[in-house]
PDB file of N, CA and C in Angstrom:
ATOM      1  N   MET A   1     119.607 106.412 108.678  1.00  0.00           N
ATOM      2  CA  MET A   1     118.813 105.224 108.664  1.00  0.00           C
ATOM      3  C   MET A   1     119.083 104.514 107.345  1.00  0.00           C
ATOM      4  N   SER A   2     119.208 103.208 107.413  1.00  0.00           N
ATOM      5  CA  SER A   2     119.376 102.401 106.208  1.00  0.00           C
ATOM      6  C   SER A   2     118.261 101.370 106.144  1.00  0.00           C
ATOM      7  N   ILE A   3     117.750 101.173 104.971  1.00  0.00           N
ATOM      8  CA  ILE A   3     116.749 100.137 104.749  1.00  0.00           C
ATOM      9  C   ILE A   3     117.249  99.276 103.599  1.00  0.00           C
ATOM     10  N   ALA A   4     117.369  97.999 103.847  1.00  0.00           N
ATOM     11  CA  ALA A   4     117.814  97.059 102.811  1.00  0.00           C
ATOM     12  C   ALA A   4     116.684  96.089 102.510  1.00  0.00           C
ATOM     13  N   SER A   5     116.614  95.656 101.287  1.00  0.00           N
ATOM     14  CA  SER A   5     115.601  94.668 100.922  1.00  0.00           C
ATOM     15  C   SER A   5     116.304  93.404 100.451  1.00  0.00           C
ATOM     16  N   ALA A   6     115.664  92.288 100.729  1.00  0.00           N
ATOM     17  CA  ALA A   6     116.241  91.000 100.335  1.00  0.00           C
ATOM     18  C   ALA A   6     115.120  90.067  99.898  1.00  0.00           C
ATOM     19  N   LEU A   7     115.420  89.281  98.926  1.00  0.00           N
ATOM     20  CA  LEU A   7     114.477  88.273  98.429  1.00  0.00           C
ATOM     21  C   LEU A   7     114.729  87.005  99.239  1.00  0.00           C
ATOM     22  N   MET A   8     113.862  86.730 100.201  1.00  0.00           N
ATOM     23  CA  MET A   8     114.088  85.632 101.138  1.00  0.00           C
ATOM     24  C   MET A   8     113.667  84.261 100.594  1.00  0.00           C
ATOM     25  N   HIS A   9     112.735  84.235  99.674  1.00  0.00           N
ATOM     26  CA  HIS A   9     112.251  82.966  99.133  1.00  0.00           C
ATOM     27  C   HIS A   9     112.218  83.028  97.603  1.00  0.00           C
ATOM     28  N   PRO A  10     113.383  83.106  96.964  1.00  0.00           N
ATOM     29  CA  PRO A  10     113.391  83.203  95.495  1.00  0.00           C
ATOM     30  C   PRO A  10     112.844  81.933  94.854  1.00  0.00           C
ATOM     31  N   LEU A  11     112.144  82.116  93.766  1.00  0.00           N
ATOM     32  CA  LEU A  11     111.633  80.983  92.998  1.00  0.00           C
ATOM     33  C   LEU A  11     112.655  80.492  91.980  1.00  0.00           C
ATOM     34  N   SER A  12     113.551  81.377  91.564  1.00  0.00           N
ATOM     35  CA  SER A  12     114.612  80.995  90.630  1.00  0.00           C
ATOM     36  C   SER A  12     115.562  80.037  91.325  1.00  0.00           C
ATOM     37  N   ARG A  13     116.061  79.094  90.590  1.00  0.00           N
ATOM     38  CA  ARG A  13     116.983  78.111  91.151  1.00  0.00           C
ATOM     39  C   ARG A  13     118.259  78.081  90.339  1.00  0.00           C
ATOM     40  N   GLY A  14     119.371  78.169  91.039  1.00  0.00           N
ATOM     41  CA  GLY A  14     120.678  78.050  90.418  1.00  0.00           C
ATOM     42  C   GLY A  14     121.192  76.641  90.607  1.00  0.00           C
ATOM     43  N   SER A  15     122.444  76.461  90.291  1.00  0.00           N
ATOM     44  CA  SER A  15     123.036  75.132  90.451  1.00  0.00           C
ATOM     45  C   SER A  15     124.529  75.260  90.728  1.00  0.00           C
ATOM     46  N   ALA A  16     125.070  74.243  91.358  1.00  0.00           N
ATOM     47  CA  ALA A  16     126.509  74.138  91.601  1.00  0.00           C
ATOM     48  C   ALA A  16     126.895  72.701  91.260  1.00  0.00           C
ATOM     49  N   HIS A  17     127.869  72.552  90.375  1.00  0.00           N
ATOM     50  CA  HIS A  17     128.283  71.222  89.930  1.00  0.00           C
ATOM     51  C   HIS A  17     129.795  71.078  90.010  1.00  0.00           C
ATOM     52  N   ILE A  18     130.218  69.903  90.413  1.00  0.00           N
ATOM     53  CA  ILE A  18     131.643  69.592  90.443  1.00  0.00           C
ATOM     54  C   ILE A  18     132.093  69.350  89.012  1.00  0.00           C
ATOM     55  N   GLU A  19     133.114  70.079  88.610  1.00  0.00           N
ATOM     56  CA  GLU A  19     133.617  70.006  87.230  1.00  0.00           C
ATOM     57  C   GLU A  19     134.692  68.945  87.081  1.00  0.00           C
ATOM     58  N   SER A  20     135.404  68.681  88.186  1.00  0.00           N
ATOM     59  CA  SER A  20     136.554  67.800  88.100  1.00  0.00           C
ATOM     60  C   SER A  20     136.805  67.133  89.456  1.00  0.00           C
ATOM     61  N   ALA A  21     137.469  66.000  89.427  1.00  0.00           N
ATOM     62  CA  ALA A  21     137.877  65.342  90.676  1.00  0.00           C
ATOM     63  C   ALA A  21     139.078  66.067  91.290  1.00  0.00           C
ATOM     64  N   ASP A  22     139.705  66.937  90.539  1.00  0.00           N
ATOM     65  CA  ASP A  22     140.846  67.721  91.011  1.00  0.00           C
ATOM     66  C   ASP A  22     140.334  68.800  91.973  1.00  0.00           C
ATOM     67  N   LEU A  23     140.786  68.775  93.216  1.00  0.00           N
ATOM     68  CA  LEU A  23     140.316  69.718  94.231  1.00  0.00           C
ATOM     69  C   LEU A  23     140.689  71.165  93.944  1.00  0.00           C
ATOM     70  N   THR A  24     141.644  71.391  93.058  1.00  0.00           N
ATOM     71  CA  THR A  24     142.044  72.763  92.749  1.00  0.00           C
ATOM     72  C   THR A  24     141.148  73.399  91.686  1.00  0.00           C
ATOM     73  N   VAL A  25     140.290  72.601  91.064  1.00  0.00           N
ATOM     74  CA  VAL A  25     139.374  73.125  90.041  1.00  0.00           C
ATOM     75  C   VAL A  25     138.079  73.561  90.732  1.00  0.00           C
ATOM     76  N   ALA A  26     137.725  74.814  90.554  1.00  0.00           N
ATOM     77  CA  ALA A  26     136.524  75.366  91.197  1.00  0.00           C
ATOM     78  C   ALA A  26     135.258  74.735  90.619  1.00  0.00           C
ATOM     79  N   PRO A  27     134.218  74.625  91.423  1.00  0.00           N
ATOM     80  CA  PRO A  27     132.950  74.105  90.901  1.00  0.00           C
ATOM     81  C   PRO A  27     132.328  75.112  89.931  1.00  0.00           C
ATOM     82  N   VAL A  28     131.449  74.626  89.087  1.00  0.00           N
ATOM     83  CA  VAL A  28     130.712  75.500  88.175  1.00  0.00           C
ATOM     84  C   VAL A  28     129.448  75.943  88.905  1.00  0.00           C
ATOM     85  N   ILE A  29     129.334  77.250  89.133  1.00  0.00           N
ATOM     86  CA  ILE A  29     128.197  77.791  89.873  1.00  0.00           C
ATOM     87  C   ILE A  29     127.402  78.708  88.946  1.00  0.00           C
ATOM     88  N   ASP A  30     126.150  78.379  88.761  1.00  0.00           N
ATOM     89  CA  ASP A  30     125.224  79.216  87.988  1.00  0.00           C
ATOM     90  C   ASP A  30     124.186  79.746  88.966  1.00  0.00           C
ATOM     91  N   GLN A  31     124.291  81.013  89.338  1.00  0.00           N
ATOM     92  CA  GLN A  31     123.378  81.570  90.331  1.00  0.00           C
ATOM     93  C   GLN A  31     121.979  81.775  89.779  1.00  0.00           C
ATOM     94  N   ASN A  32     121.870  81.971  88.482  1.00  0.00           N
ATOM     95  CA  ASN A  32     120.577  82.024  87.790  1.00  0.00           C
ATOM     96  C   ASN A  32     119.613  83.043  88.399  1.00  0.00           C
ATOM     97  N   TYR A  33     120.162  84.186  88.813  1.00  0.00           N
ATOM     98  CA  TYR A  33     119.321  85.227  89.386  1.00  0.00           C
ATOM     99  C   TYR A  33     118.221  85.653  88.414  1.00  0.00           C
ATOM    100  N   PHE A  34     117.054  85.884  88.941  1.00  0.00           N
ATOM    101  CA  PHE A  34     115.914  86.435  88.205  1.00  0.00           C
ATOM    102  C   PHE A  34     115.491  85.602  86.995  1.00  0.00           C
ATOM    103  N   ALA A  35     115.727  84.297  87.049  1.00  0.00           N
ATOM    104  CA  ALA A  35     115.244  83.432  85.975  1.00  0.00           C
ATOM    105  C   ALA A  35     113.715  83.416  85.968  1.00  0.00           C
ATOM    106  N   ARG A  36     113.132  83.539  87.132  1.00  0.00           N
ATOM    107  CA  ARG A  36     111.672  83.614  87.253  1.00  0.00           C
ATOM    108  C   ARG A  36     111.286  85.083  87.399  1.00  0.00           C
ATOM    109  N   PRO A  37     110.410  85.591  86.568  1.00  0.00           N
ATOM    110  CA  PRO A  37     110.055  87.017  86.630  1.00  0.00           C
ATOM    111  C   PRO A  37     109.426  87.426  87.966  1.00  0.00           C
ATOM    112  N   GLU A  38     108.834  86.475  88.669  1.00  0.00           N
ATOM    113  CA  GLU A  38     108.225  86.791  89.961  1.00  0.00           C
ATOM    114  C   GLU A  38     109.271  87.314  90.952  1.00  0.00           C
ATOM    115  N   ASP A  39     110.498  86.777  90.878  1.00  0.00           N
ATOM    116  CA  ASP A  39     111.557  87.230  91.775  1.00  0.00           C
ATOM    117  C   ASP A  39     111.867  88.698  91.553  1.00  0.00           C
ATOM    118  N   SER A  40     111.959  89.084  90.320  1.00  0.00           N
ATOM    119  CA  SER A  40     112.249  90.472  89.981  1.00  0.00           C
ATOM    120  C   SER A  40     111.121  91.386  90.458  1.00  0.00           C
ATOM    121  N   GLU A  41     109.880  90.963  90.279  1.00  0.00           N
ATOM    122  CA  GLU A  41     108.736  91.780  90.685  1.00  0.00           C
ATOM    123  C   GLU A  41     108.670  91.957  92.204  1.00  0.00           C
ATOM    124  N   VAL A  42     108.936  90.875  92.947  1.00  0.00           N
ATOM    125  CA  VAL A  42     108.910  90.970  94.414  1.00  0.00           C
ATOM    126  C   VAL A  42     110.032  91.877  94.904  1.00  0.00           C
ATOM    127  N   LEU A  43     111.226  91.703  94.381  1.00  0.00           N
ATOM    128  CA  LEU A  43     112.338  92.544  94.809  1.00  0.00           C
ATOM    129  C   LEU A  43     112.092  94.002  94.436  1.00  0.00           C
ATOM    130  N   PHE A  44     111.518  94.229  93.283  1.00  0.00           N
ATOM    131  CA  PHE A  44     111.167  95.585  92.855  1.00  0.00           C
ATOM    132  C   PHE A  44     110.192  96.228  93.844  1.00  0.00           C
ATOM    133  N   ALA A  45     109.191  95.470  94.272  1.00  0.00           N
ATOM    134  CA  ALA A  45     108.203  95.990  95.228  1.00  0.00           C
ATOM    135  C   ALA A  45     108.857  96.320  96.573  1.00  0.00           C
ATOM    136  N   THR A  46     109.816  95.484  96.997  1.00  0.00           N
ATOM    137  CA  THR A  46     110.481  95.756  98.281  1.00  0.00           C
ATOM    138  C   THR A  46     111.379  96.985  98.196  1.00  0.00           C
ATOM    139  N   LYS A  47     111.826  97.322  97.008  1.00  0.00           N
ATOM    140  CA  LYS A  47     112.656  98.527  96.856  1.00  0.00           C
ATOM    141  C   LYS A  47     111.786  99.784  96.740  1.00  0.00           C
ATOM    142  N   LYS A  48     110.543  99.625  96.293  1.00  0.00           N
ATOM    143  CA  LYS A  48     109.657 100.782  96.188  1.00  0.00           C
ATOM    144  C   LYS A  48     109.064 101.168  97.539  1.00  0.00           C
ATOM    145  N   PHE A  49     108.892 100.194  98.416  1.00  0.00           N
ATOM    146  CA  PHE A  49     108.241 100.472  99.696  1.00  0.00           C
ATOM    147  C   PHE A  49     108.967 101.551 100.512  1.00  0.00           C
ATOM    148  N   PRO A  50     110.287 101.490 100.681  1.00  0.00           N
ATOM    149  CA  PRO A  50     110.949 102.554 101.455  1.00  0.00           C
ATOM    150  C   PRO A  50     110.775 103.943 100.843  1.00  0.00           C
ATOM    151  N   LEU A  51     110.601 104.016  99.536  1.00  0.00           N
ATOM    152  CA  LEU A  51     110.385 105.314  98.899  1.00  0.00           C
ATOM    153  C   LEU A  51     109.047 105.902  99.336  1.00  0.00           C
ATOM    154  N   LYS A  52     108.048 105.034  99.510  1.00  0.00           N
ATOM    155  CA  LYS A  52     106.757 105.490 100.043  1.00  0.00           C
ATOM    156  C   LYS A  52     106.888 105.842 101.518  1.00  0.00           C
ATOM    157  N   LEU A  53     107.634 105.013 102.237  1.00  0.00           N
ATOM    158  CA  LEU A  53     107.797 105.200 103.672  1.00  0.00           C
ATOM    159  C   LEU A  53     108.439 106.543 104.001  1.00  0.00           C
ATOM    160  N   GLN A  54     109.412 106.958 103.216  1.00  0.00           N
ATOM    161  CA  GLN A  54     110.104 108.214 103.513  1.00  0.00           C
ATOM    162  C   GLN A  54     109.227 109.434 103.254  1.00  0.00           C
ATOM    163  N   LYS A  55     108.097 109.220 102.601  1.00  0.00           N
ATOM    164  CA  LYS A  55     107.174 110.333 102.364  1.00  0.00           C
ATOM    165  C   LYS A  55     106.137 110.478 103.473  1.00  0.00           C
ATOM    166  N   THR A  56     106.141 109.560 104.431  1.00  0.00           N
ATOM    167  CA  THR A  56     105.211 109.670 105.551  1.00  0.00           C
ATOM    168  C   THR A  56     105.718 110.720 106.527  1.00  0.00           C
ATOM    169  N   ALA A  57     104.825 111.207 107.379  1.00  0.00           N
ATOM    170  CA  ALA A  57     105.182 112.281 108.317  1.00  0.00           C
ATOM    171  C   ALA A  57     106.317 111.865 109.247  1.00  0.00           C
ATOM    172  N   HIS A  58     106.247 110.684 109.832  1.00  0.00           N
ATOM    173  CA  HIS A  58     107.248 110.282 110.819  1.00  0.00           C
ATOM    174  C   HIS A  58     108.617 110.045 110.204  1.00  0.00           C
ATOM    175  N   PHE A  59     108.665 109.325 109.102  1.00  0.00           N
ATOM    176  CA  PHE A  59     109.966 109.035 108.492  1.00  0.00           C
ATOM    177  C   PHE A  59     110.484 110.223 107.686  1.00  0.00           C
ATOM    178  N   GLY A  60     109.592 110.976 107.115  1.00  0.00           N
ATOM    179  CA  GLY A  60     110.005 112.137 106.339  1.00  0.00           C
ATOM    180  C   GLY A  60     110.794 113.143 107.149  1.00  0.00           C
ATOM    181  N   GLU A  61     110.531 113.184 108.464  1.00  0.00           N
ATOM    182  CA  GLU A  61     111.243 114.110 109.337  1.00  0.00           C
ATOM    183  C   GLU A  61     112.695 113.699 109.579  1.00  0.00           C
ATOM    184  N   VAL A  62     112.995 112.400 109.478  1.00  0.00           N
ATOM    185  CA  VAL A  62     114.351 111.941 109.788  1.00  0.00           C
ATOM    186  C   VAL A  62     115.195 111.660 108.543  1.00  0.00           C
ATOM    187  N   VAL A  63     114.563 111.526 107.397  1.00  0.00           N
ATOM    188  CA  VAL A  63     115.319 111.260 106.169  1.00  0.00           C
ATOM    189  C   VAL A  63     115.868 112.583 105.646  1.00  0.00           C
ATOM    190  N   ARG A  64     117.190 112.677 105.596  1.00  0.00           N
ATOM    191  CA  ARG A  64     117.827 113.897 105.112  1.00  0.00           C
ATOM    192  C   ARG A  64     118.125 113.829 103.623  1.00  0.00           C
ATOM    193  N   GLU A  65     118.546 112.633 103.191  1.00  0.00           N
ATOM    194  CA  GLU A  65     118.966 112.486 101.799  1.00  0.00           C
ATOM    195  C   GLU A  65     118.804 111.029 101.385  1.00  0.00           C
ATOM    196  N   GLN A  66     118.361 110.843 100.180  1.00  0.00           N
ATOM    197  CA  GLN A  66     118.248 109.491  99.626  1.00  0.00           C
ATOM    198  C   GLN A  66     119.530 109.214  98.847  1.00  0.00           C
ATOM    199  N   LEU A  67     120.294 108.223  99.311  1.00  0.00           N
ATOM    200  CA  LEU A  67     121.600 107.965  98.720  1.00  0.00           C
ATOM    201  C   LEU A  67     121.568 106.950  97.582  1.00  0.00           C
ATOM    202  N   ALA A  68     120.887 105.859  97.766  1.00  0.00           N
ATOM    203  CA  ALA A  68     120.875 104.815  96.739  1.00  0.00           C
ATOM    204  C   ALA A  68     119.562 104.063  96.787  1.00  0.00           C
ATOM    205  N   PRO A  69     118.868 103.973  95.724  1.00  0.00           N
ATOM    206  CA  PRO A  69     119.143 104.657  94.464  1.00  0.00           C
ATOM    207  C   PRO A  69     118.811 106.142  94.585  1.00  0.00           C
ATOM    208  N   THR A  70     119.548 106.936  93.866  1.00  0.00           N
ATOM    209  CA  THR A  70     119.295 108.380  93.903  1.00  0.00           C
ATOM    210  C   THR A  70     118.001 108.679  93.155  1.00  0.00           C
ATOM    211  N   PRO A  71     117.364 109.796  93.460  1.00  0.00           N
ATOM    212  CA  PRO A  71     116.134 110.150  92.740  1.00  0.00           C
ATOM    213  C   PRO A  71     116.324 110.209  91.226  1.00  0.00           C
ATOM    214  N   ASP A  72     117.530 110.578  90.767  1.00  0.00           N
ATOM    215  CA  ASP A  72     117.785 110.623  89.323  1.00  0.00           C
ATOM    216  C   ASP A  72     117.796 109.233  88.690  1.00  0.00           C
ATOM    217  N   GLU A  73     118.140 108.222  89.495  1.00  0.00           N
ATOM    218  CA  GLU A  73     118.208 106.857  88.971  1.00  0.00           C
ATOM    219  C   GLU A  73     116.836 106.196  88.865  1.00  0.00           C
ATOM    220  N   ILE A  74     115.830 106.797  89.476  1.00  0.00           N
ATOM    221  CA  ILE A  74     114.524 106.143  89.517  1.00  0.00           C
ATOM    222  C   ILE A  74     113.371 107.067  89.124  1.00  0.00           C
ATOM    223  N   PRO A  75     113.471 107.773  88.022  1.00  0.00           N
ATOM    224  CA  PRO A  75     112.366 108.659  87.649  1.00  0.00           C
ATOM    225  C   PRO A  75     111.121 107.891  87.195  1.00  0.00           C
ATOM    226  N   SER A  76     111.278 106.629  86.872  1.00  0.00           N
ATOM    227  CA  SER A  76     110.143 105.829  86.416  1.00  0.00           C
ATOM    228  C   SER A  76     110.282 104.406  86.947  1.00  0.00           C
ATOM    229  N   ASP A  77     109.186 103.662  86.898  1.00  0.00           N
ATOM    230  CA  ASP A  77     109.240 102.263  87.329  1.00  0.00           C
ATOM    231  C   ASP A  77     110.228 101.469  86.493  1.00  0.00           C
ATOM    232  N   GLU A  78     110.300 101.767  85.207  1.00  0.00           N
ATOM    233  CA  GLU A  78     111.220 101.031  84.320  1.00  0.00           C
ATOM    234  C   GLU A  78     112.673 101.248  84.743  1.00  0.00           C
ATOM    235  N   LYS A  79     113.016 102.495  85.063  1.00  0.00           N
ATOM    236  CA  LYS A  79     114.379 102.797  85.528  1.00  0.00           C
ATOM    237  C   LYS A  79     114.646 102.128  86.879  1.00  0.00           C
ATOM    238  N   MET A  80     113.628 102.102  87.734  1.00  0.00           N
ATOM    239  CA  MET A  80     113.788 101.459  89.040  1.00  0.00           C
ATOM    240  C   MET A  80     113.997  99.955  88.866  1.00  0.00           C
ATOM    241  N   LYS A  81     113.293  99.329  87.925  1.00  0.00           N
ATOM    242  CA  LYS A  81     113.488  97.900  87.659  1.00  0.00           C
ATOM    243  C   LYS A  81     114.897  97.644  87.136  1.00  0.00           C
ATOM    244  N   ASP A  82     115.380  98.508  86.268  1.00  0.00           N
ATOM    245  CA  ASP A  82     116.758  98.374  85.774  1.00  0.00           C
ATOM    246  C   ASP A  82     117.747  98.483  86.929  1.00  0.00           C
ATOM    247  N   HIS A  83     117.527  99.460  87.802  1.00  0.00           N
ATOM    248  CA  HIS A  83     118.408  99.640  88.945  1.00  0.00           C
ATOM    249  C   HIS A  83     118.392  98.406  89.840  1.00  0.00           C
ATOM    250  N   THR A  84     117.217  97.838  90.052  1.00  0.00           N
ATOM    251  CA  THR A  84     117.078  96.652  90.895  1.00  0.00           C
ATOM    252  C   THR A  84     117.876  95.484  90.329  1.00  0.00           C
ATOM    253  N   GLN A  85     117.787  95.270  89.030  1.00  0.00           N
ATOM    254  CA  GLN A  85     118.486  94.139  88.424  1.00  0.00           C
ATOM    255  C   GLN A  85     119.988  94.371  88.295  1.00  0.00           C
ATOM    256  N   ASN A  86     120.403  95.609  88.121  1.00  0.00           N
ATOM    257  CA  ASN A  86     121.815  95.883  87.866  1.00  0.00           C
ATOM    258  C   ASN A  86     122.617  96.252  89.112  1.00  0.00           C
ATOM    259  N   ASN A  87     121.961  96.410  90.245  1.00  0.00           N
ATOM    260  CA  ASN A  87     122.655  96.820  91.468  1.00  0.00           C
ATOM    261  C   ASN A  87     122.294  95.922  92.640  1.00  0.00           C
ATOM    262  N   ARG A  88     122.273  94.648  92.373  1.00  0.00           N
ATOM    263  CA  ARG A  88     121.936  93.714  93.450  1.00  0.00           C
ATOM    264  C   ARG A  88     123.212  93.209  94.116  1.00  0.00           C
ATOM    265  N   LEU A  89     123.054  92.759  95.331  1.00  0.00           N
ATOM    266  CA  LEU A  89     124.157  92.213  96.105  1.00  0.00           C
ATOM    267  C   LEU A  89     123.677  90.885  96.655  1.00  0.00           C
ATOM    268  N   ALA A  90     124.367  89.834  96.342  1.00  0.00           N
ATOM    269  CA  ALA A  90     123.988  88.527  96.870  1.00  0.00           C
ATOM    270  C   ALA A  90     124.134  88.546  98.381  1.00  0.00           C
ATOM    271  N   VAL A  91     123.273  87.824  99.068  1.00  0.00           N
ATOM    272  CA  VAL A  91     123.238  87.911 100.522  1.00  0.00           C
ATOM    273  C   VAL A  91     124.519  87.416 101.183  1.00  0.00           C
ATOM    274  N   TRP A  92     125.353  86.682 100.481  1.00  0.00           N
ATOM    275  CA  TRP A  92     126.604  86.231 101.096  1.00  0.00           C
ATOM    276  C   TRP A  92     127.775  87.142 100.731  1.00  0.00           C
ATOM    277  N   ASP A  93     127.555  88.160  99.931  1.00  0.00           N
ATOM    278  CA  ASP A  93     128.600  89.125  99.597  1.00  0.00           C
ATOM    279  C   ASP A  93     128.668  90.197 100.680  1.00  0.00           C
ATOM    280  N   GLY A  94     129.755  90.917 100.709  1.00  0.00           N
ATOM    281  CA  GLY A  94     129.879  92.066 101.598  1.00  0.00           C
ATOM    282  C   GLY A  94     129.648  91.704 103.047  1.00  0.00           C
ATOM    283  N   PHE A  95     128.844  92.499 103.720  1.00  0.00           N
ATOM    284  CA  PHE A  95     128.625  92.294 105.144  1.00  0.00           C
ATOM    285  C   PHE A  95     127.352  91.518 105.440  1.00  0.00           C
ATOM    286  N   PHE A  96     126.613  91.144 104.424  1.00  0.00           N
ATOM    287  CA  PHE A  96     125.364  90.423 104.671  1.00  0.00           C
ATOM    288  C   PHE A  96     125.648  88.990 105.082  1.00  0.00           C
ATOM    289  N   ALA A  97     124.884  88.488 106.010  1.00  0.00           N
ATOM    290  CA  ALA A  97     124.941  87.072 106.364  1.00  0.00           C
ATOM    291  C   ALA A  97     123.903  86.343 105.522  1.00  0.00           C
ATOM    292  N   ALA A  98     124.143  85.098 105.246  1.00  0.00           N
ATOM    293  CA  ALA A  98     123.210  84.333 104.415  1.00  0.00           C
ATOM    294  C   ALA A  98     121.983  83.946 105.234  1.00  0.00           C
ATOM    295  N   PRO A  99     120.818  84.580 104.997  1.00  0.00           N
ATOM    296  CA  PRO A  99     119.629  84.256 105.777  1.00  0.00           C
ATOM    297  C   PRO A  99     118.938  82.975 105.303  1.00  0.00           C
ATOM    298  N   VAL A 100     119.273  82.526 104.122  1.00  0.00           N
ATOM    299  CA  VAL A 100     118.659  81.304 103.602  1.00  0.00           C
ATOM    300  C   VAL A 100     119.732  80.455 102.946  1.00  0.00           C
ATOM    301  N   GLY A 101     119.509  79.157 102.870  1.00  0.00           N
ATOM    302  CA  GLY A 101     120.441  78.271 102.170  1.00  0.00           C
ATOM    303  C   GLY A 101     120.188  78.314 100.680  1.00  0.00           C
ATOM    304  N   TRP A 102     121.210  77.990  99.908  1.00  0.00           N
ATOM    305  CA  TRP A 102     121.030  78.034  98.458  1.00  0.00           C
ATOM    306  C   TRP A 102     121.386  76.714  97.813  1.00  0.00           C
ATOM    307  N   GLY A 103     121.930  75.790  98.542  1.00  0.00           N
ATOM    308  CA  GLY A 103     122.357  74.534  97.950  1.00  0.00           C
ATOM    309  C   GLY A 103     121.386  73.414  98.246  1.00  0.00           C
ATOM    310  N   CYS A 104     121.374  72.432  97.382  1.00  0.00           N
ATOM    311  CA  CYS A 104     120.549  71.254  97.586  1.00  0.00           C
ATOM    312  C   CYS A 104     121.300  70.311  98.539  1.00  0.00           C
ATOM    313  N   HIS A 105     120.606  69.815  99.525  1.00  0.00           N
ATOM    314  CA  HIS A 105     121.205  68.903 100.494  1.00  0.00           C
ATOM    315  C   HIS A 105     120.411  67.597 100.437  1.00  0.00           C
ATOM    316  N   GLY A 106     121.130  66.505 100.253  1.00  0.00           N
ATOM    317  CA  GLY A 106     120.459  65.220 100.195  1.00  0.00           C
ATOM    318  C   GLY A 106     120.092  64.836  98.776  1.00  0.00           C
ATOM    319  N   PRO A 107     119.307  63.789  98.642  1.00  0.00           N
ATOM    320  CA  PRO A 107     118.959  63.310  97.305  1.00  0.00           C
ATOM    321  C   PRO A 107     118.045  64.286  96.567  1.00  0.00           C
ATOM    322  N   ASP A 108     118.113  64.264  95.258  1.00  0.00           N
ATOM    323  CA  ASP A 108     117.285  65.108  94.419  1.00  0.00           C
ATOM    324  C   ASP A 108     115.833  64.621  94.525  1.00  0.00           C
ATOM    325  N   PRO A 109     114.907  65.469  95.008  1.00  0.00           N
ATOM    326  CA  PRO A 109     113.509  65.031  95.170  1.00  0.00           C
ATOM    327  C   PRO A 109     112.807  64.757  93.833  1.00  0.00           C
ATOM    328  N   ASP A 110     113.369  65.285  92.726  1.00  0.00           N
ATOM    329  CA  ASP A 110     112.737  65.085  91.423  1.00  0.00           C
ATOM    330  C   ASP A 110     113.207  63.819  90.732  1.00  0.00           C
ATOM    331  N   SER A 111     114.166  63.089  91.317  1.00  0.00           N
ATOM    332  CA  SER A 111     114.668  61.908  90.619  1.00  0.00           C
ATOM    333  C   SER A 111     114.054  60.631  91.161  1.00  0.00           C
TER     334      SER A 111
END
């Protein structure tokens, strides 16, 4: 069984800007992950929940081994927070599909 957590409504905002009119020059992308501390706290809570879940009678019977994060990586909340920030995967990386958009579309509402 695998359980993945994702931050579906991050408060942190990144940016993507065109650096040059030359199409071969990549845009400047600042993902700005965890700029808002609330994002880190919510993601941390979603990573702690499966640890509680595996201790219940029903799930405890089917969980054979905890692979990631390993129990050694999370002896304390502080270590778990470090693991959360240092081992994240953006939703468009790997096999994840992007469940939410990240770019601004249309005119800037603040201007």
